[in-house]
Protein backbone atom coordinates (compact mmCIF):
# COMPACT_ATOMS: atom_id res chain seq x y z
CA MET A 1 -102.83 -33.75 -47.56
CA SER A 2 -102.28 -31.66 -44.41
CA LYS A 3 -102.86 -28.00 -44.14
CA LEU A 4 -101.20 -26.14 -46.92
CA PRO A 5 -98.44 -23.56 -46.08
CA ARG A 6 -99.34 -20.02 -46.47
CA ILE A 7 -96.84 -18.45 -48.88
CA LEU A 8 -96.85 -14.93 -50.41
CA THR A 9 -94.37 -14.00 -53.24
CA ILE A 10 -93.66 -10.60 -54.62
CA MET A 11 -91.55 -10.49 -57.77
CA GLY A 12 -90.16 -7.22 -59.05
CA SER A 13 -89.86 -8.46 -62.62
CA GLY A 14 -88.56 -11.12 -64.74
CA GLU A 15 -91.35 -13.63 -63.44
CA THR A 16 -91.11 -15.86 -66.59
CA THR A 17 -87.57 -15.72 -67.21
CA PRO A 18 -84.68 -18.33 -66.15
CA THR A 19 -83.80 -15.96 -63.21
CA MET A 20 -87.05 -16.75 -61.49
CA ALA A 21 -87.61 -20.53 -62.36
CA ARG A 22 -85.60 -21.65 -59.32
CA VAL A 23 -88.02 -19.57 -57.02
CA HIS A 24 -91.06 -21.17 -58.70
CA ARG A 25 -89.89 -24.51 -58.17
CA GLY A 26 -89.21 -23.89 -54.51
CA ILE A 27 -92.68 -22.70 -53.99
CA LEU A 28 -94.23 -25.72 -55.69
CA ASP A 29 -92.06 -28.05 -53.83
CA ARG A 30 -93.74 -26.88 -50.73
CA LEU A 31 -97.08 -27.22 -51.88
CA GLY A 32 -97.52 -30.97 -51.83
CA GLU A 33 -97.31 -33.91 -54.39
CA ARG A 34 -96.79 -32.99 -57.92
CA PRO A 35 -98.69 -31.87 -60.08
CA VAL A 36 -99.51 -29.13 -57.89
CA PRO A 37 -103.00 -27.57 -59.01
CA ALA A 38 -101.80 -24.16 -60.14
CA VAL A 39 -103.28 -21.35 -62.23
CA ILE A 40 -102.32 -18.18 -64.18
CA LEU A 41 -104.69 -15.24 -63.60
CA ASP A 42 -104.67 -13.25 -66.79
CA THR A 43 -106.47 -10.06 -65.71
CA PRO A 44 -103.71 -7.51 -65.73
CA TYR A 45 -103.07 -7.94 -69.25
CA GLY A 46 -106.64 -8.92 -70.33
CA PHE A 47 -107.05 -5.43 -72.34
CA GLN A 48 -104.24 -6.27 -74.52
CA GLU A 49 -104.64 -7.58 -78.24
CA ASN A 50 -102.01 -10.23 -77.76
CA ALA A 51 -103.27 -11.40 -74.36
CA SER A 52 -103.72 -15.03 -75.63
CA GLU A 53 -100.12 -14.92 -76.75
CA ILE A 54 -98.88 -13.73 -73.32
CA THR A 55 -100.92 -16.58 -71.70
CA ASP A 56 -99.44 -19.15 -74.10
CA ARG A 57 -95.98 -18.00 -73.36
CA ALA A 58 -96.58 -18.10 -69.62
CA VAL A 59 -98.05 -21.69 -69.75
CA ASP A 60 -95.21 -22.87 -71.96
CA TYR A 61 -92.67 -21.30 -69.47
CA PHE A 62 -94.04 -23.12 -66.38
CA ARG A 63 -94.09 -26.38 -68.18
CA SER A 64 -90.76 -26.11 -69.79
CA ALA A 65 -88.65 -24.09 -67.48
CA VAL A 66 -90.39 -24.77 -64.12
CA GLY A 67 -91.44 -28.16 -64.80
CA ALA A 68 -95.22 -27.73 -63.72
CA PRO A 69 -98.35 -27.68 -65.72
CA PHE A 70 -100.40 -24.49 -64.94
CA SER A 71 -104.06 -23.98 -66.08
CA VAL A 72 -105.39 -20.60 -66.96
CA ALA A 73 -108.06 -18.68 -64.88
CA SER A 74 -109.23 -16.38 -67.52
CA PHE A 75 -110.75 -13.28 -66.07
CA ARG A 76 -109.94 -10.67 -68.64
CA SER A 77 -112.87 -8.30 -68.31
CA ARG A 78 -115.88 -7.44 -65.90
CA ASP A 79 -118.01 -8.17 -68.93
CA ALA A 80 -116.95 -11.81 -69.35
CA ASP A 81 -119.72 -14.24 -69.88
CA PRO A 82 -120.94 -16.10 -66.67
CA LEU A 83 -119.40 -19.53 -67.71
CA THR A 84 -115.97 -17.85 -68.31
CA ARG A 85 -116.25 -15.86 -64.99
CA GLU A 86 -117.40 -18.76 -62.92
CA THR A 87 -114.85 -21.27 -64.45
CA ALA A 88 -111.99 -18.96 -63.47
CA LEU A 89 -113.32 -18.48 -59.98
CA VAL A 90 -113.56 -22.23 -59.64
CA ARG A 91 -110.02 -22.77 -60.74
CA ILE A 92 -108.81 -20.16 -58.28
CA ARG A 93 -110.52 -21.88 -55.53
CA GLU A 94 -109.17 -25.27 -56.42
CA ALA A 95 -105.66 -23.95 -56.99
CA ARG A 96 -102.84 -24.24 -54.34
CA LEU A 97 -100.98 -21.63 -56.22
CA VAL A 98 -102.26 -18.51 -57.97
CA PHE A 99 -99.74 -16.55 -60.32
CA THR A 100 -100.52 -13.26 -61.82
CA GLY A 101 -98.16 -10.82 -63.26
CA PRO A 102 -97.52 -8.29 -66.04
CA GLY A 103 -100.00 -5.73 -67.47
CA SER A 104 -101.73 -2.72 -65.95
CA PRO A 105 -102.25 -2.44 -62.29
CA SER A 106 -105.13 0.14 -62.59
CA TYR A 107 -106.82 -2.17 -65.17
CA ALA A 108 -106.61 -5.07 -62.87
CA LEU A 109 -108.04 -3.20 -60.05
CA ARG A 110 -111.01 -2.09 -62.18
CA VAL A 111 -111.64 -5.59 -63.32
CA TRP A 112 -111.28 -7.31 -59.80
CA SER A 113 -113.41 -4.53 -57.97
CA GLY A 114 -116.62 -6.06 -56.80
CA SER A 115 -115.70 -9.44 -57.82
CA GLU A 116 -114.81 -12.53 -55.69
CA ILE A 117 -111.05 -12.54 -56.81
CA PRO A 118 -109.75 -10.15 -53.90
CA ARG A 119 -111.50 -12.42 -51.27
CA LEU A 120 -110.23 -15.57 -52.83
CA LEU A 121 -106.63 -14.47 -52.86
CA ALA A 122 -106.99 -13.32 -49.24
CA SER A 123 -108.30 -16.68 -48.47
CA LYS A 124 -105.33 -18.50 -49.97
CA LEU A 125 -103.14 -16.14 -47.68
CA GLY A 126 -105.33 -16.60 -44.74
CA SER A 127 -106.10 -20.55 -44.63
CA GLY A 128 -103.48 -22.21 -46.94
CA GLY A 129 -102.08 -21.86 -50.36
CA ALA A 130 -99.62 -19.82 -52.39
CA VAL A 131 -99.97 -16.37 -54.16
CA THR A 132 -97.34 -15.12 -56.50
CA MET A 133 -98.01 -11.48 -57.58
CA ALA A 134 -95.33 -9.89 -60.06
CA SER A 135 -94.67 -6.66 -61.84
CA ALA A 136 -98.06 -5.06 -62.47
CA ALA A 137 -99.94 -7.37 -60.14
CA ALA A 138 -97.51 -6.83 -57.35
CA LEU A 139 -98.45 -3.17 -57.39
CA THR A 140 -102.01 -4.02 -56.39
CA LEU A 141 -101.10 -5.86 -53.23
CA GLY A 142 -100.56 -2.94 -50.93
CA ARG A 143 -102.90 -0.40 -49.30
CA TYR A 144 -102.15 1.82 -52.28
CA THR A 145 -101.27 1.37 -55.86
CA ILE A 146 -99.38 3.35 -58.38
CA PRO A 147 -101.15 3.91 -61.60
CA VAL A 148 -98.05 3.48 -63.74
CA TYR A 149 -99.26 3.96 -67.23
CA GLU A 150 -101.30 6.96 -66.45
CA ILE A 151 -98.40 8.65 -64.91
CA TYR A 152 -95.36 7.59 -66.78
CA LYS A 153 -97.13 7.11 -70.35
CA VAL A 154 -100.00 9.72 -70.20
CA GLY A 155 -98.42 12.36 -67.92
CA GLU A 156 -101.04 12.36 -65.17
CA ALA A 157 -99.96 14.01 -62.00
CA PRO A 158 -98.65 11.38 -59.33
CA ARG A 159 -101.19 9.96 -57.36
CA TRP A 160 -102.40 6.90 -55.61
CA LEU A 161 -105.21 4.40 -56.30
CA ASP A 162 -106.73 2.26 -53.49
CA GLY A 163 -104.86 -0.98 -53.59
CA LEU A 164 -106.35 -4.64 -52.79
CA ASP A 165 -104.74 -4.10 -49.29
CA LEU A 166 -103.78 -7.78 -48.84
CA LEU A 167 -100.78 -6.98 -46.82
CA THR A 168 -102.10 -4.77 -43.95
CA PRO A 169 -103.66 -7.83 -42.38
CA LEU A 170 -100.39 -9.57 -42.30
CA GLY A 171 -98.73 -6.71 -40.42
CA LEU A 172 -97.42 -4.74 -43.55
CA PRO A 173 -99.05 -1.43 -44.20
CA VAL A 174 -97.19 -0.81 -47.39
CA ALA A 175 -97.48 0.29 -50.84
CA VAL A 176 -95.48 -2.22 -53.04
CA VAL A 177 -93.14 -0.85 -55.83
CA PRO A 178 -91.80 -3.44 -58.25
CA HIS A 179 -89.11 -2.72 -60.74
CA TYR A 180 -87.63 -0.66 -58.03
CA ASP A 181 -84.15 -0.60 -59.61
CA ASN A 182 -85.34 -0.16 -63.25
CA ALA A 183 -82.64 1.64 -65.40
CA GLU A 184 -84.10 1.41 -68.74
CA GLY A 185 -84.54 5.12 -69.09
CA GLY A 186 -80.88 5.58 -69.83
CA SER A 187 -80.37 9.12 -69.59
CA HIS A 188 -83.39 9.77 -67.32
CA ASP A 189 -84.42 8.17 -64.21
CA THR A 190 -86.81 5.20 -64.34
CA ARG A 191 -86.15 3.77 -60.94
CA PHE A 192 -89.06 2.85 -58.66
CA CYS A 193 -91.39 1.43 -61.38
CA TYR A 194 -90.37 4.06 -64.01
CA LEU A 195 -91.47 7.06 -61.66
CA GLY A 196 -87.82 8.42 -60.79
CA GLU A 197 -87.05 10.04 -57.48
CA ASN A 198 -88.87 13.16 -57.94
CA ARG A 199 -92.34 11.53 -58.63
CA LEU A 200 -91.83 9.03 -55.87
CA ARG A 201 -90.97 11.65 -53.50
CA ALA A 202 -94.13 13.49 -54.41
CA LEU A 203 -96.23 10.32 -53.87
CA GLU A 204 -94.59 9.37 -50.65
CA ALA A 205 -95.57 12.72 -49.17
CA GLN A 206 -99.24 11.82 -49.89
CA LEU A 207 -98.96 8.50 -47.78
CA PRO A 208 -100.66 8.22 -44.19
CA SER A 209 -97.96 8.27 -41.52
CA GLU A 210 -98.21 4.48 -40.90
CA VAL A 211 -97.65 3.41 -44.52
CA PHE A 212 -94.29 2.87 -46.02
CA ILE A 213 -93.00 1.57 -49.52
CA LEU A 214 -91.70 -1.77 -50.01
CA GLY A 215 -89.43 -1.94 -53.15
CA VAL A 216 -88.73 -5.20 -54.96
CA ASP A 217 -85.91 -5.02 -57.60
CA GLY A 218 -86.20 -6.68 -60.97
CA HIS A 219 -85.41 -10.43 -61.36
CA THR A 220 -85.85 -10.48 -57.36
CA ALA A 221 -88.48 -12.02 -55.31
CA LEU A 222 -89.53 -11.41 -51.67
CA VAL A 223 -91.10 -14.82 -50.46
CA PHE A 224 -93.13 -14.82 -47.29
CA ASP A 225 -93.60 -17.67 -45.17
CA LEU A 226 -96.78 -16.39 -43.41
CA ASP A 227 -96.94 -19.22 -40.80
CA ALA A 228 -93.50 -18.41 -39.56
CA GLY A 229 -93.86 -14.47 -40.15
CA THR A 230 -90.53 -14.59 -41.96
CA ALA A 231 -89.40 -13.60 -45.57
CA SER A 232 -86.54 -14.45 -47.78
CA VAL A 233 -84.83 -12.21 -50.62
CA LEU A 234 -83.94 -14.26 -53.51
CA GLY A 235 -82.78 -13.50 -57.08
CA LEU A 236 -80.32 -10.92 -58.29
CA GLY A 237 -81.29 -7.83 -56.52
CA THR A 238 -82.48 -6.29 -53.37
CA VAL A 239 -85.59 -5.43 -51.37
CA THR A 240 -85.78 -1.97 -49.99
CA VAL A 241 -87.98 -0.50 -47.13
CA ARG A 242 -88.39 3.27 -47.79
CA LYS A 243 -89.98 5.75 -45.31
CA ALA A 244 -89.86 9.62 -45.59
CA GLY A 245 -86.98 9.35 -47.92
CA GLN A 246 -84.79 6.90 -45.88
CA SER A 247 -84.12 3.46 -47.41
CA THR A 248 -83.25 0.20 -45.66
CA VAL A 249 -81.84 -2.37 -48.13
CA PHE A 250 -81.87 -6.07 -47.86
CA PRO A 251 -79.71 -7.94 -50.17
CA ALA A 252 -80.41 -11.10 -51.94
CA GLY A 253 -79.95 -14.01 -49.43
CA SER A 254 -81.38 -12.11 -46.56
CA GLU A 255 -83.77 -13.85 -44.35
CA VAL A 256 -85.75 -11.43 -42.19
CA THR A 257 -88.97 -11.25 -40.17
CA ILE A 258 -92.06 -9.24 -41.04
CA ASP A 259 -91.31 -7.17 -37.88
CA ASP A 260 -87.92 -6.60 -39.22
CA LEU A 261 -89.62 -5.00 -42.27
CA VAL A 262 -91.82 -2.96 -40.17
CA ALA A 263 -89.02 -1.78 -37.91
CA ALA A 264 -86.77 -0.71 -40.68
CA ALA A 265 -89.54 1.71 -41.66
CA ARG A 266 -89.67 2.98 -38.30
CA GLY A 267 -85.80 3.41 -38.43
CA VAL A 268 -85.14 1.14 -35.51
CA ALA A 269 -83.32 -2.22 -35.13
CA SER A 270 -85.60 -5.23 -34.56
CA ALA A 271 -85.10 -7.36 -31.73
CA GLY A 272 -86.61 -10.27 -33.76
CA THR A 273 -84.35 -10.69 -36.44
CA ALA A 274 -84.52 -14.20 -37.77
CA GLU A 275 -81.30 -16.37 -36.99
CA GLY A 276 -78.86 -16.00 -40.04
CA ALA A 277 -80.72 -12.95 -40.98
CA ALA A 278 -78.87 -11.07 -43.71
CA ALA A 279 -76.47 -12.28 -46.34
CA GLY A 280 -74.60 -8.84 -45.97
CA PRO A 281 -75.08 -5.69 -43.89
CA VAL A 282 -78.40 -3.93 -44.07
CA SER A 283 -77.69 -0.30 -44.72
CA VAL A 284 -79.89 2.79 -43.94
CA ALA A 285 -79.49 5.68 -46.29
CA PRO A 286 -81.07 8.27 -48.23
CA PRO A 287 -81.99 6.89 -51.74
CA PRO A 288 -79.01 7.04 -53.85
CA ALA A 289 -78.36 9.44 -56.82
CA VAL A 290 -79.37 8.12 -60.20
CA LYS A 291 -77.22 5.44 -60.92
CA ALA A 292 -75.61 4.38 -64.30
CA PRO A 293 -78.03 2.34 -66.27
CA THR A 294 -77.68 -1.30 -65.83
CA LEU A 295 -78.40 -4.10 -68.24
CA SER A 296 -81.04 -6.77 -67.79
CA PRO A 297 -79.67 -10.36 -67.18
CA LEU A 298 -80.57 -11.20 -70.88
CA ARG A 299 -78.77 -7.98 -72.21
CA ASP A 300 -75.85 -8.77 -69.96
CA GLU A 301 -75.55 -12.39 -71.27
CA VAL A 302 -76.07 -11.31 -74.77
CA ALA A 303 -73.27 -8.48 -74.40
CA ARG A 304 -70.94 -11.16 -73.01
CA LEU A 305 -71.50 -13.50 -75.90
CA GLU A 306 -71.11 -10.89 -78.41
CA ALA A 307 -67.71 -10.00 -76.88
CA VAL A 308 -66.76 -13.67 -76.99
CA PHE A 309 -67.57 -13.96 -80.51
CA ASN A 310 -65.90 -10.89 -81.54
CA ALA A 311 -62.81 -12.03 -79.70
CA SER A 312 -62.94 -15.36 -81.51
CA LEU A 313 -63.27 -13.59 -85.01
CA ASP A 314 -60.24 -11.47 -84.29
CA GLU A 315 -58.23 -14.63 -83.35
CA CYS A 316 -59.59 -16.58 -86.33
CA ASP A 317 -60.95 -19.10 -83.85
CA ALA A 318 -63.84 -20.39 -85.89
CA PRO A 319 -64.92 -23.33 -83.32
CA ALA A 320 -64.89 -20.73 -80.59
CA ALA A 321 -67.16 -18.40 -82.58
CA VAL A 322 -69.58 -21.20 -83.56
CA ARG A 323 -69.84 -22.13 -79.80
CA ALA A 324 -70.49 -18.60 -78.98
CA ILE A 325 -73.28 -18.47 -81.58
CA LEU A 326 -74.74 -21.68 -80.28
CA ALA A 327 -74.71 -20.29 -76.64
CA LEU A 328 -76.43 -17.12 -77.81
CA GLU A 329 -79.09 -19.23 -79.45
CA GLU A 330 -79.66 -21.27 -76.33
CA THR A 331 -79.77 -18.07 -74.23
CA ILE A 332 -82.58 -16.57 -76.57
CA GLN A 333 -84.51 -19.95 -76.38
CA SER A 334 -84.31 -19.98 -72.51
CA TRP A 335 -85.79 -16.36 -72.40
CA SER A 336 -88.30 -16.80 -75.18
CA HIS A 337 -91.28 -17.46 -72.74
CA ASP A 338 -90.71 -13.95 -70.96
CA THR A 339 -93.81 -12.04 -70.94
CA ASP A 340 -92.09 -8.66 -70.35
CA GLN A 341 -92.59 -6.81 -73.58
CA SER A 342 -89.23 -4.84 -73.62
CA ASP A 343 -87.10 -4.97 -76.75
CA ALA A 344 -84.44 -7.35 -75.06
CA LEU A 345 -85.35 -10.40 -76.98
CA ALA A 346 -85.50 -8.48 -80.16
CA THR A 347 -82.03 -7.22 -79.60
CA ALA A 348 -80.74 -10.63 -78.81
CA ARG A 349 -82.12 -11.87 -82.00
CA SER A 350 -80.60 -9.05 -83.98
CA ALA A 351 -77.19 -10.08 -82.28
CA LEU A 352 -77.71 -13.58 -83.31
CA ARG A 353 -78.45 -12.83 -86.88
CA SER A 354 -75.38 -10.25 -87.17
CA ALA A 355 -73.13 -13.01 -85.60
CA ILE A 356 -74.22 -15.57 -88.27
CA VAL A 357 -73.51 -12.89 -90.95
CA CYS A 358 -70.12 -12.26 -89.81
CA LEU A 359 -69.27 -15.97 -89.65
CA GLY A 360 -70.66 -16.42 -93.07
CA GLU A 361 -68.15 -13.62 -94.23
CA MET A 362 -65.39 -15.38 -92.39
CA ALA A 363 -66.30 -18.64 -94.04
CA VAL A 364 -66.25 -16.91 -97.61
CA ARG A 365 -62.75 -15.62 -96.94
CA GLY A 366 -61.54 -18.90 -95.71
CA ALA A 367 -63.02 -20.81 -98.70
CA ALA A 368 -61.54 -18.60 -101.20
CA ASP A 369 -58.92 -20.36 -103.63
CA PRO A 370 -55.53 -19.40 -101.96
CA ALA A 371 -53.96 -19.67 -105.39
CA ALA A 372 -56.10 -16.71 -106.36
CA ALA A 373 -54.23 -14.60 -103.76
CA VAL A 374 -50.81 -15.45 -104.82
CA ARG A 375 -51.44 -15.70 -108.60
CA PRO A 376 -50.28 -12.05 -109.52
CA PHE A 377 -46.93 -12.55 -107.70
CA VAL A 378 -46.41 -16.12 -109.14
CA ASP A 379 -47.09 -14.90 -112.63
CA ALA A 380 -44.64 -11.96 -112.20
CA LEU A 381 -41.93 -14.46 -111.27
CA LEU A 382 -42.74 -16.89 -113.97
CA GLU A 383 -42.56 -13.92 -116.58
CA GLN A 384 -39.08 -13.33 -115.13
CA ARG A 385 -38.15 -16.94 -115.27
CA VAL A 386 -39.48 -17.13 -118.94
CA ARG A 387 -36.95 -14.15 -119.81
CA ALA A 388 -34.02 -15.82 -118.03
CA ARG A 389 -34.66 -19.15 -119.89
CA GLU A 390 -34.94 -17.21 -123.31
CA SER A 391 -31.67 -15.45 -122.57
CA ARG A 392 -30.20 -18.99 -121.43
CA ASP A 393 -29.72 -17.65 -118.07
CA TRP A 394 -30.23 -21.18 -116.38
CA ALA A 395 -28.92 -20.47 -113.08
CA ALA A 396 -31.44 -17.58 -112.55
CA ALA A 397 -34.46 -19.80 -113.66
CA ASP A 398 -33.38 -22.46 -111.35
CA VAL A 399 -33.30 -19.90 -108.57
CA ILE A 400 -36.84 -18.68 -109.23
CA ARG A 401 -38.02 -22.21 -109.54
CA ASP A 402 -36.27 -23.38 -106.23
CA ARG A 403 -37.55 -20.15 -104.32
CA LEU A 404 -41.13 -20.76 -105.44
CA LEU A 405 -41.00 -24.60 -104.48
CA THR A 406 -39.74 -23.45 -101.02
CA ALA A 407 -42.85 -21.48 -100.80
CA GLY A 408 -45.05 -24.42 -101.46
CA ILE A 409 -45.73 -23.54 -105.31
CA GLU A 410 -44.45 -26.39 -107.64
CA LEU A 411 -43.69 -25.74 -111.39
CA HIS A 412 -44.30 -28.01 -114.31
CA ASP A 413 -42.57 -27.28 -117.45
CA THR A 414 -44.26 -28.47 -120.67
CA PRO A 415 -44.14 -28.04 -124.36
CA ASP A 416 -46.95 -25.54 -124.10
CA GLY A 417 -45.38 -23.63 -121.33
CA THR A 418 -45.17 -23.62 -117.60
CA THR A 419 -47.99 -24.39 -115.03
CA TRP A 420 -48.02 -24.34 -111.46
CA GLU A 421 -49.84 -25.63 -108.35
CA LEU A 422 -49.95 -25.05 -104.62
CA ARG A 423 -48.61 -28.23 -103.01
CA ALA A 424 -50.30 -27.82 -99.72
CA ALA A 425 -53.62 -27.07 -101.21
CA GLU A 426 -56.02 -28.71 -103.81
CA PRO A 427 -54.25 -28.13 -107.15
CA SER A 428 -55.33 -25.07 -108.96
CA PRO A 429 -56.22 -24.96 -112.69
CA ALA A 430 -53.24 -25.14 -114.79
CA THR A 431 -51.72 -21.80 -115.85
CA PRO A 432 -49.95 -21.80 -118.82
CA VAL A 433 -47.36 -19.08 -119.16
CA GLY A 434 -45.37 -18.16 -122.30
């Protein structure tokens, strides 16, 4: 085939969810005839005990949700045996697309240091091919990298690590910050990849004057066409250029040039804005105050389906309740490949189980013998009828019989007493009275 396009994609999060499947397919469509040689580089999560499970979920996601087979370039440790290491390097060289994502950025940098992997990735971006880096891997792209786990989980002072610096040669002297709009903290600020405003401000003060922050929201992709020098913002969120506490926000649908991003960091309008540049106005402002926590797309959909299900129960609409449960199950299935290790899927499965239990309880109530509900009232009236007949008050006895018949309850007088049944339902067991 002719020379491959040069494509760099930065994903803020959600790289193996339904929200990013269209982005992955669009990149693959530009890389020639299917199947496109593509690999998953597993280094960032290589230290985890469930690394093989994460890989399997990612491979299954690309096969089922994206429609593309991916092989694995397994480079989990610097101590990998020579065959494993060389096999990974060969697969990366031969691939038209390299994908790497969740895990620890500092671990990935340690493993890649001194290996051929940074050079191979730079070669894809320089001579042809596609590189998609998401979540933890996205943090390693810039000149500097945030050691997220060490700061957020361990409590180390905010500091930078040297990154791969694959973007400065492209004209972008940046530090990449994925999960930019994160709101998982609820009552505390976890924006900016779990750092919050205070720690990001401290880190920002440590950057050289020419370096700026490139933030990518969750479930959002910034796709660079390096041959054209342009970039597209795709997905659910925004891309933010931040410099000295000032932010320029590019909404989903924006088409910008690399020069636009650099100009935004300098606080000036770009003369080279691509035609049809933005889906909406680009705003320049200080970073917003801590916003109210937002749900992930999965949590949003689960909450919506729970509301539909509960409303269906309130209206005693069993078919609508069943449809909501089926939709919830399909939603869980479509998100089951997600390599993000949040509790969103567990929450969704819990909602599904609760809905099934509630539907079962409704079925039990609906399956109960309706005669059982009215039996105490019918028996009381029949006792009155027996007394009326014993006192030969036939008119009163007939009134009771007729009123019960109007209510759908039919009486049968026999030598052994009176029995009754609901005419609109399956006959209940005969109930002798008197």
